[in-house]
PDB file of all heavy atoms in Angstrom:
ATOM      1  N   GLY A   1       0.826  -1.241   0.080  1.00  0.00           N
ATOM      2  CA  GLY A   1      -0.068   0.016   0.061  1.00  0.00           C
ATOM      3  C   GLY A   1       0.891   1.202   0.011  1.00  0.00           C
ATOM      4  O   GLY A   1       0.592   2.220  -0.686  1.00  0.00           O
ATOM      5  N   ARG A   2       1.938   1.242   0.750  1.00  0.00           N
ATOM      6  CA  ARG A   2       2.795   2.394   0.799  1.00  0.00           C
ATOM      7  C   ARG A   2       3.457   2.634  -0.500  1.00  0.00           C
ATOM      8  O   ARG A   2       3.757   3.687  -1.020  1.00  0.00           O
ATOM      9  CB  ARG A   2       3.785   2.193   1.927  1.00  0.00           C
ATOM     10  CG  ARG A   2       3.208   2.291   3.305  1.00  0.00           C
ATOM     11  CD  ARG A   2       4.337   2.413   4.388  1.00  0.00           C
ATOM     12  NE  ARG A   2       3.742   2.418   5.655  1.00  0.00           N
ATOM     13  CZ  ARG A   2       3.716   1.371   6.547  1.00  0.00           C
ATOM     14  NH1 ARG A   2       4.229   0.229   6.117  1.00  0.00           N
ATOM     15  NH2 ARG A   2       3.146   1.459   7.699  1.00  0.00           N
ATOM     16  N   GLU A   3       3.940   1.615  -1.209  1.00  0.00           N
ATOM     17  CA  GLU A   3       4.642   1.584  -2.496  1.00  0.00           C
ATOM     18  C   GLU A   3       3.710   2.132  -3.535  1.00  0.00           C
ATOM     19  O   GLU A   3       4.070   2.886  -4.468  1.00  0.00           O
ATOM     20  CB  GLU A   3       5.129   0.232  -2.843  1.00  0.00           C
ATOM     21  CG  GLU A   3       6.404  -0.216  -2.000  1.00  0.00           C
ATOM     22  CD  GLU A   3       6.848  -1.503  -2.402  1.00  0.00           C
ATOM     23  OE1 GLU A   3       6.172  -2.202  -3.167  1.00  0.00           O
ATOM     24  OE2 GLU A   3       7.919  -2.013  -1.714  1.00  0.00           O
ATOM     25  N   LEU A   4       2.460   1.790  -3.368  1.00  0.00           N
ATOM     26  CA  LEU A   4       1.384   2.352  -4.303  1.00  0.00           C
ATOM     27  C   LEU A   4       1.224   3.817  -4.167  1.00  0.00           C
ATOM     28  O   LEU A   4       1.125   4.535  -5.124  1.00  0.00           O
ATOM     29  CB  LEU A   4       0.016   1.631  -4.083  1.00  0.00           C
ATOM     30  CG  LEU A   4      -1.163   2.102  -4.904  1.00  0.00           C
ATOM     31  CD1 LEU A   4      -0.801   1.988  -6.430  1.00  0.00           C
ATOM     32  CD2 LEU A   4      -2.343   1.265  -4.527  1.00  0.00           C
ATOM     33  N   ARG A   5       1.190   4.227  -2.827  1.00  0.00           N
ATOM     34  CA  ARG A   5       1.032   5.745  -2.644  1.00  0.00           C
ATOM     35  C   ARG A   5       2.327   6.381  -3.147  1.00  0.00           C
ATOM     36  O   ARG A   5       2.230   7.484  -3.632  1.00  0.00           O
ATOM     37  CB  ARG A   5       0.934   5.879  -1.125  1.00  0.00           C
ATOM     38  CG  ARG A   5      -0.522   5.485  -0.651  1.00  0.00           C
ATOM     39  CD  ARG A   5      -0.722   6.121   0.731  1.00  0.00           C
ATOM     40  NE  ARG A   5       0.096   5.517   1.722  1.00  0.00           N
ATOM     41  CZ  ARG A   5      -0.174   4.420   2.412  1.00  0.00           C
ATOM     42  NH1 ARG A   5      -1.373   3.742   2.095  1.00  0.00           N
ATOM     43  NH2 ARG A   5       0.647   3.938   3.314  1.00  0.00           N
ATOM     44  N   VAL A   6       3.557   5.884  -3.047  1.00  0.00           N
ATOM     45  CA  VAL A   6       4.732   6.517  -3.451  1.00  0.00           C
ATOM     46  C   VAL A   6       4.534   6.644  -5.043  1.00  0.00           C
ATOM     47  O   VAL A   6       4.925   7.676  -5.566  1.00  0.00           O
ATOM     48  CB  VAL A   6       5.929   5.673  -3.076  1.00  0.00           C
ATOM     49  CG1 VAL A   6       7.226   6.139  -3.750  1.00  0.00           C
ATOM     50  CG2 VAL A   6       6.239   5.760  -1.508  1.00  0.00           C
ATOM     51  N   ALA A   7       4.212   5.578  -5.656  1.00  0.00           N
ATOM     52  CA  ALA A   7       4.035   5.657  -7.136  1.00  0.00           C
ATOM     53  C   ALA A   7       3.062   6.713  -7.593  1.00  0.00           C
ATOM     54  O   ALA A   7       3.356   7.420  -8.621  1.00  0.00           O
ATOM     55  CB  ALA A   7       3.670   4.200  -7.685  1.00  0.00           C
ATOM     56  N   LYS A   8       2.005   6.911  -6.859  1.00  0.00           N
ATOM     57  CA  LYS A   8       1.026   7.962  -7.247  1.00  0.00           C
ATOM     58  C   LYS A   8       1.538   9.333  -7.029  1.00  0.00           C
ATOM     59  O   LYS A   8       1.520  10.176  -7.791  1.00  0.00           O
ATOM     60  CB  LYS A   8      -0.273   7.747  -6.449  1.00  0.00           C
ATOM     61  CG  LYS A   8      -1.046   6.518  -6.791  1.00  0.00           C
ATOM     62  CD  LYS A   8      -2.224   6.382  -5.896  1.00  0.00           C
ATOM     63  CE  LYS A   8      -3.162   5.239  -6.317  1.00  0.00           C
ATOM     64  NZ  LYS A   8      -4.379   5.005  -5.588  1.00  0.00           N
ATOM     65  N   TRP A   9       2.239   9.480  -5.787  1.00  0.00           N
ATOM     66  CA  TRP A   9       2.794  10.793  -5.552  1.00  0.00           C
ATOM     67  C   TRP A   9       3.944  11.145  -6.272  1.00  0.00           C
ATOM     68  O   TRP A   9       4.401  12.342  -6.362  1.00  0.00           O
ATOM     69  CB  TRP A   9       3.012  10.932  -3.973  1.00  0.00           C
ATOM     70  CG  TRP A   9       1.746  10.815  -3.103  1.00  0.00           C
ATOM     71  CD1 TRP A   9       0.489  11.166  -3.564  1.00  0.00           C
ATOM     72  CD2 TRP A   9       1.688  10.451  -1.778  1.00  0.00           C
ATOM     73  NE1 TRP A   9      -0.452  11.048  -2.521  1.00  0.00           N
ATOM     74  CE2 TRP A   9       0.388  10.507  -1.425  1.00  0.00           C
ATOM     75  CE3 TRP A   9       2.529  10.022  -0.813  1.00  0.00           C
ATOM     76  CZ2 TRP A   9      -0.115  10.214  -0.098  1.00  0.00           C
ATOM     77  CZ3 TRP A   9       2.048   9.705   0.387  1.00  0.00           C
ATOM     78  CH2 TRP A   9       0.701   9.808   0.725  1.00  0.00           C
ATOM     79  N   SER A  10       4.554  10.144  -6.902  1.00  0.00           N
ATOM     80  CA  SER A  10       5.708  10.438  -7.821  1.00  0.00           C
ATOM     81  C   SER A  10       5.372  11.421  -9.023  1.00  0.00           C
ATOM     82  O   SER A  10       6.270  11.985  -9.617  1.00  0.00           O
ATOM     83  CB  SER A  10       6.465   9.222  -8.249  1.00  0.00           C
ATOM     84  OG  SER A  10       5.628   8.502  -9.130  1.00  0.00           O
ATOM     85  N   LEU A  11       4.104  11.483  -9.314  1.00  0.00           N
ATOM     86  CA  LEU A  11       3.657  12.379 -10.360  1.00  0.00           C
ATOM     87  C   LEU A  11       3.500  13.886  -9.963  1.00  0.00           C
ATOM     88  O   LEU A  11       3.279  14.653 -10.884  1.00  0.00           O
ATOM     89  CB  LEU A  11       2.326  11.859 -10.962  1.00  0.00           C
ATOM     90  CG  LEU A  11       2.249  10.388 -11.424  1.00  0.00           C
ATOM     91  CD1 LEU A  11       0.847  10.000 -11.938  1.00  0.00           C
ATOM     92  CD2 LEU A  11       3.332  10.216 -12.540  1.00  0.00           C
ATOM     93  N   LEU A  12       3.563  14.077  -8.704  1.00  0.00           N
ATOM     94  CA  LEU A  12       3.584  15.450  -8.153  1.00  0.00           C
ATOM     95  C   LEU A  12       4.855  16.123  -8.398  1.00  0.00           C
ATOM     96  O   LEU A  12       5.982  15.542  -8.546  1.00  0.00           O
ATOM     97  CB  LEU A  12       3.176  15.440  -6.681  1.00  0.00           C
ATOM     98  CG  LEU A  12       1.795  14.921  -6.348  1.00  0.00           C
ATOM     99  CD1 LEU A  12       1.624  14.847  -4.806  1.00  0.00           C
ATOM    100  CD2 LEU A  12       0.760  15.687  -6.963  1.00  0.00           C
ATOM    101  N   PRO A  13       4.866  17.525  -8.460  1.00  0.00           N
ATOM    102  CA  PRO A  13       6.074  18.258  -8.604  1.00  0.00           C
ATOM    103  C   PRO A  13       6.916  18.023  -7.203  1.00  0.00           C
ATOM    104  O   PRO A  13       6.453  17.730  -6.206  1.00  0.00           O
ATOM    105  CB  PRO A  13       5.644  19.815  -8.762  1.00  0.00           C
ATOM    106  CG  PRO A  13       4.199  19.595  -9.165  1.00  0.00           C
ATOM    107  CD  PRO A  13       3.629  18.400  -8.538  1.00  0.00           C
ATOM    108  N   SER A  14       8.218  18.368  -7.406  1.00  0.00           N
ATOM    109  CA  SER A  14       9.155  18.204  -6.280  1.00  0.00           C
ATOM    110  C   SER A  14       9.876  19.549  -6.145  1.00  0.00           C
ATOM    111  O   SER A  14      10.165  20.161  -7.134  1.00  0.00           O
ATOM    112  CB  SER A  14      10.172  17.065  -6.510  1.00  0.00           C
ATOM    113  OG  SER A  14      10.901  17.228  -7.694  1.00  0.00           O
ATOM    114  N   ILE A  15      10.145  19.878  -4.886  1.00  0.00           N
ATOM    115  CA  ILE A  15      10.968  21.234  -4.602  1.00  0.00           C
ATOM    116  C   ILE A  15      12.231  20.753  -3.876  1.00  0.00           C
ATOM    117  O   ILE A  15      12.214  20.042  -2.894  1.00  0.00           O
ATOM    118  CB  ILE A  15      10.053  22.016  -3.741  1.00  0.00           C
ATOM    119  CG1 ILE A  15       8.723  22.320  -4.471  1.00  0.00           C
ATOM    120  CG2 ILE A  15      10.792  23.310  -3.383  1.00  0.00           C
ATOM    121  CD1 ILE A  15       7.767  23.164  -3.524  1.00  0.00           C
ATOM    122  N   THR A  16      13.289  21.367  -4.413  1.00  0.00           N
ATOM    123  CA  THR A  16      14.621  21.133  -3.812  1.00  0.00           C
ATOM    124  C   THR A  16      15.279  22.377  -3.528  1.00  0.00           C
ATOM    125  O   THR A  16      15.278  23.344  -4.364  1.00  0.00           O
ATOM    126  CB  THR A  16      15.350  20.360  -4.831  1.00  0.00           C
ATOM    127  OG1 THR A  16      14.750  19.110  -5.259  1.00  0.00           O
ATOM    128  CG2 THR A  16      16.671  19.918  -4.223  1.00  0.00           C
ATOM    129  N   LEU A  17      15.885  22.496  -2.411  1.00  0.00           N
ATOM    130  CA  LEU A  17      16.737  23.635  -2.092  1.00  0.00           C
ATOM    131  C   LEU A  17      18.276  23.264  -2.233  1.00  0.00           C
ATOM    132  O   LEU A  17      18.702  22.302  -1.847  1.00  0.00           O
ATOM    133  CB  LEU A  17      16.420  23.963  -0.579  1.00  0.00           C
ATOM    134  CG  LEU A  17      17.236  25.099   0.007  1.00  0.00           C
ATOM    135  CD1 LEU A  17      16.927  26.512  -0.686  1.00  0.00           C
ATOM    136  CD2 LEU A  17      17.080  25.253   1.500  1.00  0.00           C
ATOM    137  N   TYR A  18      18.903  24.198  -2.934  1.00  0.00           N
ATOM    138  CA  TYR A  18      20.411  24.097  -3.266  1.00  0.00           C
ATOM    139  C   TYR A  18      21.110  25.180  -2.605  1.00  0.00           C
ATOM    140  O   TYR A  18      20.620  26.355  -2.411  1.00  0.00           O
ATOM    141  CB  TYR A  18      20.630  24.031  -4.717  1.00  0.00           C
ATOM    142  CG  TYR A  18      19.945  22.965  -5.527  1.00  0.00           C
ATOM    143  CD1 TYR A  18      18.683  23.211  -6.025  1.00  0.00           C
ATOM    144  CD2 TYR A  18      20.581  21.766  -5.745  1.00  0.00           C
ATOM    145  CE1 TYR A  18      17.977  22.258  -6.807  1.00  0.00           C
ATOM    146  CE2 TYR A  18      19.888  20.763  -6.544  1.00  0.00           C
ATOM    147  CZ  TYR A  18      18.645  21.037  -7.047  1.00  0.00           C
ATOM    148  OH  TYR A  18      18.046  19.986  -7.668  1.00  0.00           O
ATOM    149  N   GLY A  19      22.307  24.937  -2.205  1.00  0.00           N
ATOM    150  CA  GLY A  19      23.244  26.033  -1.762  1.00  0.00           C
ATOM    151  C   GLY A  19      24.735  25.642  -2.026  1.00  0.00           C
ATOM    152  O   GLY A  19      25.034  24.498  -2.125  1.00  0.00           O
ATOM    153  N   GLY A  20      25.609  26.623  -2.118  1.00  0.00           N
ATOM    154  CA  GLY A  20      26.947  26.332  -2.416  1.00  0.00           C
ATOM    155  C   GLY A  20      27.895  27.431  -2.151  1.00  0.00           C
ATOM    156  O   GLY A  20      27.547  28.583  -1.881  1.00  0.00           O
ATOM    157  N   TRP A  21      29.154  27.187  -2.208  1.00  0.00           N
ATOM    158  CA  TRP A  21      30.227  28.127  -2.000  1.00  0.00           C
ATOM    159  C   TRP A  21      31.437  27.628  -2.886  1.00  0.00           C
ATOM    160  O   TRP A  21      31.671  26.499  -3.149  1.00  0.00           O
ATOM    161  CB  TRP A  21      30.661  28.016  -0.505  1.00  0.00           C
ATOM    162  CG  TRP A  21      32.007  28.670  -0.260  1.00  0.00           C
ATOM    163  CD1 TRP A  21      32.070  30.034   0.134  1.00  0.00           C
ATOM    164  CD2 TRP A  21      33.199  28.151  -0.253  1.00  0.00           C
ATOM    165  NE1 TRP A  21      33.475  30.229   0.354  1.00  0.00           N
ATOM    166  CE2 TRP A  21      34.154  29.103   0.128  1.00  0.00           C
ATOM    167  CE3 TRP A  21      33.696  26.770  -0.503  1.00  0.00           C
ATOM    168  CZ2 TRP A  21      35.542  28.918   0.188  1.00  0.00           C
ATOM    169  CZ3 TRP A  21      35.103  26.623  -0.429  1.00  0.00           C
ATOM    170  CH2 TRP A  21      35.943  27.631  -0.087  1.00  0.00           C
ATOM    171  N   ASN A  22      32.106  28.679  -3.462  1.00  0.00           N
ATOM    172  CA  ASN A  22      33.289  28.394  -4.268  1.00  0.00           C
ATOM    173  C   ASN A  22      34.394  29.468  -4.250  1.00  0.00           C
ATOM    174  O   ASN A  22      33.974  30.608  -3.959  1.00  0.00           O
ATOM    175  CB  ASN A  22      32.954  27.973  -5.686  1.00  0.00           C
ATOM    176  CG  ASN A  22      32.288  29.197  -6.359  1.00  0.00           C
ATOM    177  OD1 ASN A  22      33.056  30.211  -6.846  1.00  0.00           O
ATOM    178  ND2 ASN A  22      30.846  29.292  -6.432  1.00  0.00           N
ATOM    179  N   THR A  23      35.585  29.238  -4.559  1.00  0.00           N
ATOM    180  CA  THR A  23      36.641  30.204  -4.669  1.00  0.00           C
ATOM    181  C   THR A  23      37.652  29.620  -5.593  1.00  0.00           C
ATOM    182  O   THR A  23      37.567  28.387  -5.922  1.00  0.00           O
ATOM    183  CB  THR A  23      37.262  30.562  -3.242  1.00  0.00           C
ATOM    184  OG1 THR A  23      38.073  31.635  -3.469  1.00  0.00           O
ATOM    185  CG2 THR A  23      37.931  29.330  -2.703  1.00  0.00           C
ATOM    186  N   SER A  24      38.604  30.526  -6.040  1.00  0.00           N
ATOM    187  CA  SER A  24      39.545  30.103  -6.953  1.00  0.00           C
ATOM    188  C   SER A  24      40.939  30.873  -6.834  1.00  0.00           C
ATOM    189  O   SER A  24      41.031  31.937  -6.152  1.00  0.00           O
ATOM    190  CB  SER A  24      39.101  30.213  -8.412  1.00  0.00           C
ATOM    191  OG  SER A  24      38.789  31.619  -8.648  1.00  0.00           O
ATOM    192  N   PHE A  25      41.860  30.281  -7.526  1.00  0.00           N
ATOM    193  CA  PHE A  25      43.260  30.934  -7.508  1.00  0.00           C
ATOM    194  C   PHE A  25      43.817  30.700  -8.883  1.00  0.00           C
ATOM    195  O   PHE A  25      43.745  29.635  -9.437  1.00  0.00           O
ATOM    196  CB  PHE A  25      44.127  30.255  -6.402  1.00  0.00           C
ATOM    197  CG  PHE A  25      45.595  30.744  -6.609  1.00  0.00           C
ATOM    198  CD1 PHE A  25      46.084  31.879  -6.203  1.00  0.00           C
ATOM    199  CD2 PHE A  25      46.490  29.876  -7.105  1.00  0.00           C
ATOM    200  CE1 PHE A  25      47.371  32.270  -6.220  1.00  0.00           C
ATOM    201  CE2 PHE A  25      47.883  30.181  -7.183  1.00  0.00           C
ATOM    202  CZ  PHE A  25      48.240  31.420  -6.814  1.00  0.00           C
ATOM    203  N   TYR A  26      44.555  31.656  -9.415  1.00  0.00           N
ATOM    204  CA  TYR A  26      45.170  31.537 -10.716  1.00  0.00           C
ATOM    205  C   TYR A  26      46.483  32.362 -10.742  1.00  0.00           C
ATOM    206  O   TYR A  26      46.521  33.293  -9.998  1.00  0.00           O
ATOM    207  CB  TYR A  26      44.222  31.991 -11.851  1.00  0.00           C
ATOM    208  CG  TYR A  26      44.072  33.496 -11.969  1.00  0.00           C
ATOM    209  CD1 TYR A  26      44.760  34.216 -12.851  1.00  0.00           C
ATOM    210  CD2 TYR A  26      43.041  34.185 -11.240  1.00  0.00           C
ATOM    211  CE1 TYR A  26      44.655  35.635 -12.939  1.00  0.00           C
ATOM    212  CE2 TYR A  26      42.893  35.553 -11.303  1.00  0.00           C
ATOM    213  CZ  TYR A  26      43.705  36.252 -12.156  1.00  0.00           C
ATOM    214  OH  TYR A  26      43.499  37.595 -12.205  1.00  0.00           O
ATOM    215  N   THR A  27      47.290  31.929 -11.741  1.00  0.00           N
ATOM    216  CA  THR A  27      48.562  32.747 -11.985  1.00  0.00           C
ATOM    217  C   THR A  27      49.047  32.349 -13.298  1.00  0.00           C
ATOM    218  O   THR A  27      48.767  31.150 -13.824  1.00  0.00           O
ATOM    219  CB  THR A  27      49.627  32.522 -10.846  1.00  0.00           C
ATOM    220  OG1 THR A  27      50.808  33.347 -11.176  1.00  0.00           O
ATOM    221  CG2 THR A  27      50.046  31.090 -10.837  1.00  0.00           C
ATOM    222  N   TYR A  28      49.921  33.247 -13.988  1.00  0.00           N
ATOM    223  CA  TYR A  28      50.545  32.825 -15.259  1.00  0.00           C
ATOM    224  C   TYR A  28      51.904  33.547 -15.355  1.00  0.00           C
ATOM    225  O   TYR A  28      52.107  34.520 -14.573  1.00  0.00           O
ATOM    226  CB  TYR A  28      49.661  33.124 -16.380  1.00  0.00           C
ATOM    227  CG  TYR A  28      49.128  34.502 -16.514  1.00  0.00           C
ATOM    228  CD1 TYR A  28      49.826  35.498 -17.324  1.00  0.00           C
ATOM    229  CD2 TYR A  28      47.926  34.927 -15.957  1.00  0.00           C
ATOM    230  CE1 TYR A  28      49.466  36.800 -17.366  1.00  0.00           C
ATOM    231  CE2 TYR A  28      47.421  36.197 -16.173  1.00  0.00           C
ATOM    232  CZ  TYR A  28      48.155  37.134 -16.820  1.00  0.00           C
ATOM    233  OH  TYR A  28      47.783  38.512 -16.941  1.00  0.00           O
ATOM    234  N   SER A  29      52.701  32.960 -16.293  1.00  0.00           N
ATOM    235  CA  SER A  29      53.995  33.453 -16.416  1.00  0.00           C
ATOM    236  C   SER A  29      54.049  34.995 -16.813  1.00  0.00           C
ATOM    237  O   SER A  29      53.231  35.321 -17.613  1.00  0.00           O
ATOM    238  CB  SER A  29      54.808  32.683 -17.482  1.00  0.00           C
ATOM    239  OG  SER A  29      54.754  31.325 -17.209  1.00  0.00           O
ATOM    240  N   GLY A  30      54.995  35.587 -16.176  1.00  0.00           N
ATOM    241  CA  GLY A  30      55.082  37.159 -16.570  1.00  0.00           C
ATOM    242  C   GLY A  30      54.124  38.031 -15.905  1.00  0.00           C
ATOM    243  O   GLY A  30      54.059  39.251 -16.263  1.00  0.00           O
ATOM    244  N   TYR A  31      53.365  37.503 -14.955  1.00  0.00           N
ATOM    245  CA  TYR A  31      52.296  38.324 -14.420  1.00  0.00           C
ATOM    246  C   TYR A  31      52.378  38.118 -12.912  1.00  0.00           C
ATOM    247  O   TYR A  31      52.383  36.981 -12.351  1.00  0.00           O
ATOM    248  CB  TYR A  31      50.930  37.910 -14.954  1.00  0.00           C
ATOM    249  CG  TYR A  31      49.821  38.635 -14.260  1.00  0.00           C
ATOM    250  CD1 TYR A  31      49.503  39.976 -14.550  1.00  0.00           C
ATOM    251  CD2 TYR A  31      49.019  37.938 -13.272  1.00  0.00           C
ATOM    252  CE1 TYR A  31      48.410  40.578 -13.885  1.00  0.00           C
ATOM    253  CE2 TYR A  31      48.007  38.629 -12.681  1.00  0.00           C
ATOM    254  CZ  TYR A  31      47.658  39.838 -13.003  1.00  0.00           C
ATOM    255  OH  TYR A  31      46.650  40.581 -12.323  1.00  0.00           O
ATOM    256  N   HIS A  32      52.473  39.311 -12.228  1.00  0.00           N
ATOM    257  CA  HIS A  32      52.481  39.320 -10.713  1.00  0.00           C
ATOM    258  C   HIS A  32      51.124  39.237 -10.184  1.00  0.00           C
ATOM    259  O   HIS A  32      50.449  40.225  -9.985  1.00  0.00           O
ATOM    260  CB  HIS A  32      53.227  40.499 -10.225  1.00  0.00           C
ATOM    261  CG  HIS A  32      53.361  40.454  -8.740  1.00  0.00           C
ATOM    262  ND1 HIS A  32      54.189  39.640  -8.040  1.00  0.00           N
ATOM    263  CD2 HIS A  32      52.658  41.318  -7.819  1.00  0.00           C
ATOM    264  CE1 HIS A  32      54.126  39.864  -6.811  1.00  0.00           C
ATOM    265  NE2 HIS A  32      53.168  40.950  -6.579  1.00  0.00           N
ATOM    266  N   SER A  33      50.644  37.950  -9.991  1.00  0.00           N
ATOM    267  CA  SER A  33      49.204  37.740  -9.577  1.00  0.00           C
ATOM    268  C   SER A  33      49.242  38.013  -8.038  1.00  0.00           C
ATOM    269  O   SER A  33      50.152  37.901  -7.351  1.00  0.00           O
ATOM    270  CB  SER A  33      48.772  36.357  -9.818  1.00  0.00           C
ATOM    271  OG  SER A  33      49.627  35.455  -9.316  1.00  0.00           O
ATOM    272  N   PRO A  34      47.888  38.383  -7.545  1.00  0.00           N
ATOM    273  CA  PRO A  34      47.753  38.454  -6.080  1.00  0.00           C
ATOM    274  C   PRO A  34      48.147  37.182  -5.300  1.00  0.00           C
ATOM    275  O   PRO A  34      48.190  36.166  -5.941  1.00  0.00           O
ATOM    276  CB  PRO A  34      46.274  38.800  -5.910  1.00  0.00           C
ATOM    277  CG  PRO A  34      45.920  39.420  -7.225  1.00  0.00           C
ATOM    278  CD  PRO A  34      46.722  38.720  -8.243  1.00  0.00           C
ATOM    279  N   SER A  35      48.370  37.382  -4.079  1.00  0.00           N
ATOM    280  CA  SER A  35      48.739  36.175  -3.258  1.00  0.00           C
ATOM    281  C   SER A  35      47.613  35.137  -3.218  1.00  0.00           C
ATOM    282  O   SER A  35      46.448  35.430  -3.421  1.00  0.00           O
ATOM    283  CB  SER A  35      49.218  36.564  -1.862  1.00  0.00           C
ATOM    284  OG  SER A  35      48.079  37.088  -1.176  1.00  0.00           O
ATOM    285  N   TYR A  36      48.015  33.928  -2.760  1.00  0.00           N
ATOM    286  CA  TYR A  36      47.038  32.957  -2.703  1.00  0.00           C
ATOM    287  C   TYR A  36      45.893  33.231  -1.750  1.00  0.00           C
ATOM    288  O   TYR A  36      44.690  33.066  -1.877  1.00  0.00           O
ATOM    289  CB  TYR A  36      47.660  31.629  -2.333  1.00  0.00           C
ATOM    290  CG  TYR A  36      46.779  30.391  -2.199  1.00  0.00           C
ATOM    291  CD1 TYR A  36      46.516  29.616  -3.250  1.00  0.00           C
ATOM    292  CD2 TYR A  36      46.276  30.048  -0.966  1.00  0.00           C
ATOM    293  CE1 TYR A  36      45.686  28.569  -3.261  1.00  0.00           C
ATOM    294  CE2 TYR A  36      45.302  28.999  -0.859  1.00  0.00           C
ATOM    295  CZ  TYR A  36      45.022  28.259  -1.957  1.00  0.00           C
ATOM    296  OH  TYR A  36      44.115  27.187  -1.942  1.00  0.00           O
ATOM    297  N   SER A  37      46.250  33.732  -0.456  1.00  0.00           N
ATOM    298  CA  SER A  37      45.259  34.062   0.466  1.00  0.00           C
ATOM    299  C   SER A  37      44.325  35.098   0.073  1.00  0.00           C
ATOM    300  O   SER A  37      43.129  35.126   0.392  1.00  0.00           O
ATOM    301  CB  SER A  37      45.949  34.438   1.813  1.00  0.00           C
ATOM    302  OG  SER A  37      46.832  35.591   1.617  1.00  0.00           O
ATOM    303  N   ASN A  38      44.894  36.118  -0.570  1.00  0.00           N
ATOM    304  CA  ASN A  38      44.014  37.184  -1.146  1.00  0.00           C
ATOM    305  C   ASN A  38      42.955  36.771  -2.152  1.00  0.00           C
ATOM    306  O   ASN A  38      41.817  37.075  -2.173  1.00  0.00           O
ATOM    307  CB  ASN A  38      44.856  38.424  -1.635  1.00  0.00           C
ATOM    308  CG  ASN A  38      45.590  39.137  -0.576  1.00  0.00           C
ATOM    309  OD1 ASN A  38      45.197  39.209   0.567  1.00  0.00           O
ATOM    310  ND2 ASN A  38      46.773  39.735  -0.903  1.00  0.00           N
ATOM    311  N   GLN A  39      43.514  35.926  -3.097  1.00  0.00           N
ATOM    312  CA  GLN A  39      42.652  35.461  -4.126  1.00  0.00           C
ATOM    313  C   GLN A  39      41.519  34.533  -3.495  1.00  0.00           C
ATOM    314  O   GLN A  39      40.405  34.412  -3.957  1.00  0.00           O
ATOM    315  CB  GLN A  39      43.417  34.691  -5.272  1.00  0.00           C
ATOM    316  CG  GLN A  39      44.262  35.639  -6.097  1.00  0.00           C
ATOM    317  CD  GLN A  39      44.690  34.791  -7.364  1.00  0.00           C
ATOM    318  OE1 GLN A  39      43.966  34.103  -7.949  1.00  0.00           O
ATOM    319  NE2 GLN A  39      46.002  35.138  -7.787  1.00  0.00           N
ATOM    320  N   PHE A  40      42.053  33.650  -2.579  1.00  0.00           N
ATOM    321  CA  PHE A  40      41.067  32.768  -1.894  1.00  0.00           C
ATOM    322  C   PHE A  40      39.946  33.493  -1.318  1.00  0.00           C
ATOM    323  O   PHE A  40      38.798  33.101  -1.339  1.00  0.00           O
ATOM    324  CB  PHE A  40      41.805  31.893  -0.822  1.00  0.00           C
ATOM    325  CG  PHE A  40      40.911  30.830  -0.311  1.00  0.00           C
ATOM    326  CD1 PHE A  40      41.162  29.527  -0.881  1.00  0.00           C
ATOM    327  CD2 PHE A  40      40.178  30.877   0.736  1.00  0.00           C
ATOM    328  CE1 PHE A  40      40.416  28.447  -0.382  1.00  0.00           C
ATOM    329  CE2 PHE A  40      39.451  29.829   1.241  1.00  0.00           C
ATOM    330  CZ  PHE A  40      39.653  28.542   0.654  1.00  0.00           C
ATOM    331  N   ARG A  41      40.296  34.662  -0.639  1.00  0.00           N
ATOM    332  CA  ARG A  41      39.288  35.471  -0.042  1.00  0.00           C
ATOM    333  C   ARG A  41      38.464  36.321  -0.907  1.00  0.00           C
ATOM    334  O   ARG A  41      37.237  36.415  -0.975  1.00  0.00           O
ATOM    335  CB  ARG A  41      39.965  36.386   1.027  1.00  0.00           C
ATOM    336  CG  ARG A  41      38.921  37.233   1.815  1.00  0.00           C
ATOM    337  CD  ARG A  41      39.670  38.004   2.932  1.00  0.00           C
ATOM    338  NE  ARG A  41      40.689  38.804   2.464  1.00  0.00           N
ATOM    339  CZ  ARG A  41      41.934  38.571   2.491  1.00  0.00           C
ATOM    340  NH1 ARG A  41      42.362  37.495   3.133  1.00  0.00           N
ATOM    341  NH2 ARG A  41      42.870  39.418   2.115  1.00  0.00           N
ATOM    342  N   ASN A  42      39.183  36.959  -1.934  1.00  0.00           N
ATOM    343  CA  ASN A  42      38.499  37.819  -2.807  1.00  0.00           C
ATOM    344  C   ASN A  42      37.673  37.200  -3.830  1.00  0.00           C
ATOM    345  O   ASN A  42      36.638  37.722  -4.381  1.00  0.00           O
ATOM    346  CB  ASN A  42      39.458  38.767  -3.530  1.00  0.00           C
ATOM    347  CG  ASN A  42      40.227  39.690  -2.480  1.00  0.00           C
ATOM    348  OD1 ASN A  42      39.558  40.028  -1.492  1.00  0.00           O
ATOM    349  ND2 ASN A  42      41.417  40.070  -2.821  1.00  0.00           N
ATOM    350  N   ASN A  43      38.030  35.914  -4.296  1.00  0.00           N
ATOM    351  CA  ASN A  43      37.317  35.197  -5.392  1.00  0.00           C
ATOM    352  C   ASN A  43      36.211  34.296  -4.814  1.00  0.00           C
ATOM    353  O   ASN A  43      35.553  33.492  -5.505  1.00  0.00           O
ATOM    354  CB  ASN A  43      38.274  34.354  -6.136  1.00  0.00           C
ATOM    355  CG  ASN A  43      39.314  35.045  -6.914  1.00  0.00           C
ATOM    356  OD1 ASN A  43      39.124  36.315  -7.217  1.00  0.00           O
ATOM    357  ND2 ASN A  43      40.443  34.484  -7.289  1.00  0.00           N
ATOM    358  N   MET A  44      35.914  34.461  -3.549  1.00  0.00           N
ATOM    359  CA  MET A  44      34.962  33.653  -2.860  1.00  0.00           C
ATOM    360  C   MET A  44      33.595  33.996  -3.285  1.00  0.00           C
ATOM    361  O   MET A  44      33.175  35.246  -3.385  1.00  0.00           O
ATOM    362  CB  MET A  44      35.067  33.683  -1.241  1.00  0.00           C
ATOM    363  CG  MET A  44      34.229  32.772  -0.544  1.00  0.00           C
ATOM    364  SD  MET A  44      34.470  32.958   1.200  1.00  0.00           S
ATOM    365  CE  MET A  44      36.235  32.743   1.421  1.00  0.00           C
ATOM    366  N   GLY A  45      32.646  33.082  -3.401  1.00  0.00           N
ATOM    367  CA  GLY A  45      31.243  33.360  -3.791  1.00  0.00           C
ATOM    368  C   GLY A  45      30.328  32.256  -3.271  1.00  0.00           C
ATOM    369  O   GLY A  45      30.691  31.130  -3.003  1.00  0.00           O
ATOM    370  N   GLU A  46      29.035  32.639  -3.033  1.00  0.00           N
ATOM    371  CA  GLU A  46      28.064  31.671  -2.449  1.00  0.00           C
ATOM    372  C   GLU A  46      26.788  31.864  -3.358  1.00  0.00           C
ATOM    373  O   GLU A  46      26.598  32.841  -3.964  1.00  0.00           O
ATOM    374  CB  GLU A  46      27.691  32.034  -0.990  1.00  0.00           C
ATOM    375  CG  GLU A  46      28.888  31.863  -0.118  1.00  0.00           C
ATOM    376  CD  GLU A  46      29.559  33.243   0.196  1.00  0.00           C
ATOM    377  OE1 GLU A  46      29.100  34.333  -0.380  1.00  0.00           O
ATOM    378  OE2 GLU A  46      30.651  33.297   0.682  1.00  0.00           O
TER     379      GLU A  46
END
């Protein structure tokens, strides 16, 4: 009976909450890039 109800309710819409955080660091030859700690803090996003 429960599996039957699950099958019926699976046709209803579903709502999901997402959240995240990220940061980055980069450098290349001939360029004086900011320090790792500064980039880690300044490039941070949620």
